[in-house]
Amino acid sequence: MDTGHTSKDPLHGITLEKIITQLVESYGWDELGYQIRINCFISNPSVQSSLKFLRKTPWARTKVEDFYKNALLEGKLKQQP
């Protein structure tokens, strides 16, 4: 009998940095800024500046996480090695 607990949350165990990195590798900054209209993806985008903004802005983080989950379901993310 399997006693391990598995989460049904696709974000379980994935850091925000990994989410951003995977989205940028799959979409690029320009497309990401077009799809998710937040300034940290449009004006001088970088992983570090995006992390700083998203960690202190819950509504923006939710938009990014929802976009990531949708892209994951649709198979639009490049696979990590």
N, C-alpha and C. Protein backbone atom coordinates (compact mmCIF):
# COMPACT_ATOMS: atom_id res chain seq x y z
N MET A 1 0.84 -1.19 0.00
CA MET A 1 0.00 0.00 0.00
C MET A 1 0.88 1.24 0.00
N ASP A 2 0.57 2.18 -0.85
CA ASP A 2 1.33 3.40 -0.95
C ASP A 2 0.88 4.38 0.12
N THR A 3 1.81 4.76 1.02
CA THR A 3 1.45 5.68 2.08
C THR A 3 1.97 7.09 1.81
N GLY A 4 2.67 7.26 0.68
CA GLY A 4 3.19 8.58 0.34
C GLY A 4 2.07 9.51 -0.08
N HIS A 5 2.22 10.76 0.26
CA HIS A 5 1.22 11.76 -0.12
C HIS A 5 1.69 12.45 -1.39
N THR A 6 0.82 12.51 -2.37
CA THR A 6 1.15 13.23 -3.58
C THR A 6 0.17 14.39 -3.72
N SER A 7 0.71 15.53 -4.09
CA SER A 7 -0.11 16.72 -4.23
C SER A 7 -0.67 16.78 -5.65
N LYS A 8 -1.91 17.22 -5.75
CA LYS A 8 -2.52 17.40 -7.07
C LYS A 8 -2.22 18.80 -7.60
N ASP A 9 -1.59 19.64 -6.79
CA ASP A 9 -1.24 20.99 -7.19
C ASP A 9 -0.02 20.95 -8.12
N PRO A 10 -0.15 21.41 -9.37
CA PRO A 10 0.98 21.37 -10.30
C PRO A 10 2.14 22.27 -9.88
N LEU A 11 1.90 23.19 -8.94
CA LEU A 11 2.96 24.09 -8.48
C LEU A 11 3.70 23.53 -7.26
N HIS A 12 3.24 22.40 -6.74
CA HIS A 12 3.86 21.82 -5.56
C HIS A 12 5.33 21.50 -5.81
N GLY A 13 6.21 22.05 -5.00
CA GLY A 13 7.63 21.77 -5.11
C GLY A 13 8.36 22.57 -6.18
N ILE A 14 7.69 23.51 -6.82
CA ILE A 14 8.32 24.31 -7.87
C ILE A 14 8.50 25.73 -7.35
N THR A 15 9.72 26.22 -7.44
CA THR A 15 10.00 27.58 -6.97
C THR A 15 9.50 28.61 -7.98
N LEU A 16 9.27 29.81 -7.48
CA LEU A 16 8.86 30.91 -8.36
C LEU A 16 9.94 31.18 -9.40
N GLU A 17 11.20 31.07 -9.00
CA GLU A 17 12.30 31.28 -9.94
C GLU A 17 12.26 30.26 -11.08
N LYS A 18 11.96 29.01 -10.75
CA LYS A 18 11.87 27.97 -11.78
C LYS A 18 10.69 28.24 -12.72
N ILE A 19 9.59 28.71 -12.17
CA ILE A 19 8.41 29.03 -12.98
C ILE A 19 8.77 30.13 -13.99
N ILE A 20 9.37 31.21 -13.51
CA ILE A 20 9.73 32.31 -14.40
C ILE A 20 10.73 31.86 -15.45
N THR A 21 11.76 31.13 -15.02
CA THR A 21 12.79 30.66 -15.94
C THR A 21 12.19 29.78 -17.03
N GLN A 22 11.31 28.88 -16.65
CA GLN A 22 10.71 27.98 -17.63
C GLN A 22 9.78 28.74 -18.58
N LEU A 23 9.06 29.72 -18.07
CA LEU A 23 8.19 30.52 -18.93
C LEU A 23 9.02 31.33 -19.93
N VAL A 24 10.13 31.91 -19.46
CA VAL A 24 10.98 32.70 -20.36
C VAL A 24 11.61 31.81 -21.41
N GLU A 25 12.05 30.62 -21.04
CA GLU A 25 12.65 29.70 -22.01
C GLU A 25 11.62 29.24 -23.04
N SER A 26 10.37 29.12 -22.63
CA SER A 26 9.33 28.64 -23.53
C SER A 26 8.72 29.74 -24.38
N TYR A 27 8.57 30.93 -23.82
CA TYR A 27 7.87 32.01 -24.52
C TYR A 27 8.77 33.18 -24.91
N GLY A 28 9.82 33.44 -24.15
CA GLY A 28 10.63 34.64 -24.35
C GLY A 28 10.00 35.82 -23.63
N TRP A 29 10.81 36.83 -23.34
CA TRP A 29 10.30 37.99 -22.58
C TRP A 29 9.22 38.74 -23.34
N ASP A 30 9.38 38.92 -24.65
CA ASP A 30 8.40 39.70 -25.42
C ASP A 30 7.02 39.06 -25.38
N GLU A 31 6.96 37.76 -25.65
CA GLU A 31 5.67 37.07 -25.64
C GLU A 31 5.09 36.99 -24.24
N LEU A 32 5.95 36.80 -23.26
CA LEU A 32 5.49 36.74 -21.87
C LEU A 32 4.88 38.08 -21.45
N GLY A 33 5.52 39.17 -21.86
CA GLY A 33 4.99 40.50 -21.57
C GLY A 33 3.68 40.76 -22.29
N TYR A 34 3.52 40.16 -23.46
CA TYR A 34 2.27 40.30 -24.21
C TYR A 34 1.15 39.47 -23.55
N GLN A 35 1.47 38.27 -23.15
CA GLN A 35 0.48 37.36 -22.55
C GLN A 35 0.08 37.77 -21.14
N ILE A 36 1.07 38.21 -20.36
CA ILE A 36 0.82 38.61 -18.97
C ILE A 36 1.24 40.08 -18.87
N ARG A 37 0.27 40.96 -18.91
CA ARG A 37 0.55 42.40 -19.01
C ARG A 37 0.96 42.99 -17.66
N ILE A 38 2.17 42.64 -17.21
CA ILE A 38 2.72 43.27 -16.02
C ILE A 38 4.10 43.82 -16.37
N ASN A 39 4.40 44.97 -15.80
CA ASN A 39 5.57 45.74 -16.19
C ASN A 39 6.89 45.00 -16.01
N CYS A 40 6.98 44.10 -15.04
CA CYS A 40 8.26 43.42 -14.81
C CYS A 40 8.63 42.51 -15.98
N PHE A 41 7.69 42.20 -16.86
CA PHE A 41 7.97 41.39 -18.05
C PHE A 41 8.14 42.26 -19.30
N ILE A 42 7.83 43.54 -19.18
CA ILE A 42 7.83 44.43 -20.35
C ILE A 42 9.02 45.40 -20.34
N SER A 43 9.25 46.03 -19.21
CA SER A 43 10.28 47.06 -19.11
C SER A 43 11.54 46.53 -18.43
N ASN A 44 12.63 46.38 -19.19
CA ASN A 44 13.90 45.85 -18.68
C ASN A 44 13.72 44.54 -17.91
N PRO A 45 13.15 43.52 -18.52
CA PRO A 45 12.85 42.29 -17.79
C PRO A 45 14.10 41.49 -17.43
N SER A 46 14.08 40.90 -16.25
CA SER A 46 15.10 39.95 -15.83
C SER A 46 14.45 39.04 -14.80
N VAL A 47 15.04 37.88 -14.61
CA VAL A 47 14.50 36.94 -13.64
C VAL A 47 14.52 37.57 -12.25
N GLN A 48 15.63 38.19 -11.88
CA GLN A 48 15.76 38.76 -10.53
C GLN A 48 14.76 39.89 -10.27
N SER A 49 14.59 40.81 -11.23
CA SER A 49 13.64 41.90 -11.02
C SER A 49 12.21 41.38 -10.98
N SER A 50 11.93 40.36 -11.79
CA SER A 50 10.59 39.76 -11.78
C SER A 50 10.32 39.07 -10.46
N LEU A 51 11.30 38.34 -9.94
CA LEU A 51 11.15 37.68 -8.64
C LEU A 51 10.85 38.71 -7.55
N LYS A 52 11.62 39.78 -7.54
CA LYS A 52 11.44 40.82 -6.51
C LYS A 52 10.02 41.38 -6.57
N PHE A 53 9.54 41.70 -7.77
CA PHE A 53 8.20 42.26 -7.92
C PHE A 53 7.12 41.24 -7.55
N LEU A 54 7.23 40.03 -8.07
CA LEU A 54 6.18 39.03 -7.87
C LEU A 54 6.08 38.58 -6.42
N ARG A 55 7.19 38.57 -5.70
CA ARG A 55 7.17 38.16 -4.30
C ARG A 55 6.42 39.15 -3.42
N LYS A 56 6.37 40.42 -3.83
CA LYS A 56 5.67 41.40 -3.00
C LYS A 56 4.33 41.85 -3.59
N THR A 57 3.92 41.22 -4.70
CA THR A 57 2.68 41.61 -5.36
C THR A 57 1.82 40.37 -5.63
N PRO A 58 0.98 40.01 -4.65
CA PRO A 58 0.21 38.76 -4.75
C PRO A 58 -0.65 38.62 -6.00
N TRP A 59 -1.32 39.70 -6.45
CA TRP A 59 -2.19 39.58 -7.62
C TRP A 59 -1.37 39.24 -8.87
N ALA A 60 -0.17 39.81 -8.99
CA ALA A 60 0.67 39.54 -10.15
C ALA A 60 1.21 38.11 -10.10
N ARG A 61 1.61 37.68 -8.92
CA ARG A 61 2.10 36.30 -8.76
C ARG A 61 1.02 35.30 -9.13
N THR A 62 -0.21 35.58 -8.72
CA THR A 62 -1.33 34.70 -9.07
C THR A 62 -1.52 34.62 -10.58
N LYS A 63 -1.40 35.76 -11.27
CA LYS A 63 -1.53 35.76 -12.74
C LYS A 63 -0.45 34.89 -13.38
N VAL A 64 0.78 35.01 -12.89
CA VAL A 64 1.89 34.23 -13.44
C VAL A 64 1.69 32.74 -13.15
N GLU A 65 1.30 32.40 -11.93
CA GLU A 65 1.09 31.00 -11.57
C GLU A 65 -0.06 30.40 -12.38
N ASP A 66 -1.13 31.14 -12.56
CA ASP A 66 -2.26 30.65 -13.36
C ASP A 66 -1.85 30.44 -14.82
N PHE A 67 -1.07 31.38 -15.36
CA PHE A 67 -0.59 31.24 -16.73
C PHE A 67 0.30 30.01 -16.86
N TYR A 68 1.16 29.80 -15.88
CA TYR A 68 2.07 28.64 -15.87
C TYR A 68 1.27 27.33 -15.84
N LYS A 69 0.27 27.26 -14.95
CA LYS A 69 -0.55 26.05 -14.85
C LYS A 69 -1.27 25.77 -16.16
N ASN A 70 -1.80 26.81 -16.79
CA ASN A 70 -2.49 26.66 -18.07
C ASN A 70 -1.53 26.19 -19.16
N ALA A 71 -0.33 26.78 -19.21
CA ALA A 71 0.66 26.39 -20.21
C ALA A 71 1.10 24.94 -19.97
N LEU A 72 1.20 24.55 -18.72
CA LEU A 72 1.57 23.17 -18.37
C LEU A 72 0.50 22.19 -18.85
N LEU A 73 -0.76 22.52 -18.62
CA LEU A 73 -1.87 21.67 -19.05
C LEU A 73 -1.94 21.55 -20.57
N GLU A 74 -1.62 22.64 -21.26
CA GLU A 74 -1.69 22.64 -22.72
C GLU A 74 -0.40 22.12 -23.38
N GLY A 75 0.58 21.77 -22.56
CA GLY A 75 1.83 21.23 -23.09
C GLY A 75 2.67 22.24 -23.84
N LYS A 76 2.59 23.50 -23.44
CA LYS A 76 3.30 24.56 -24.16
C LYS A 76 4.64 24.93 -23.54
N LEU A 77 5.05 24.23 -22.48
CA LEU A 77 6.32 24.55 -21.82
C LEU A 77 7.41 23.62 -22.32
N LYS A 78 8.59 24.21 -22.54
CA LYS A 78 9.75 23.39 -22.90
C LYS A 78 10.15 22.57 -21.69
N GLN A 79 10.51 21.33 -21.92
CA GLN A 79 10.90 20.45 -20.82
C GLN A 79 12.27 20.81 -20.29
N GLN A 80 12.40 20.78 -18.98
CA GLN A 80 13.68 21.02 -18.34
C GLN A 80 14.53 19.74 -18.41
N PRO A 81 15.85 19.89 -18.62
CA PRO A 81 16.71 18.69 -18.66
C PRO A 81 16.85 18.05 -17.30
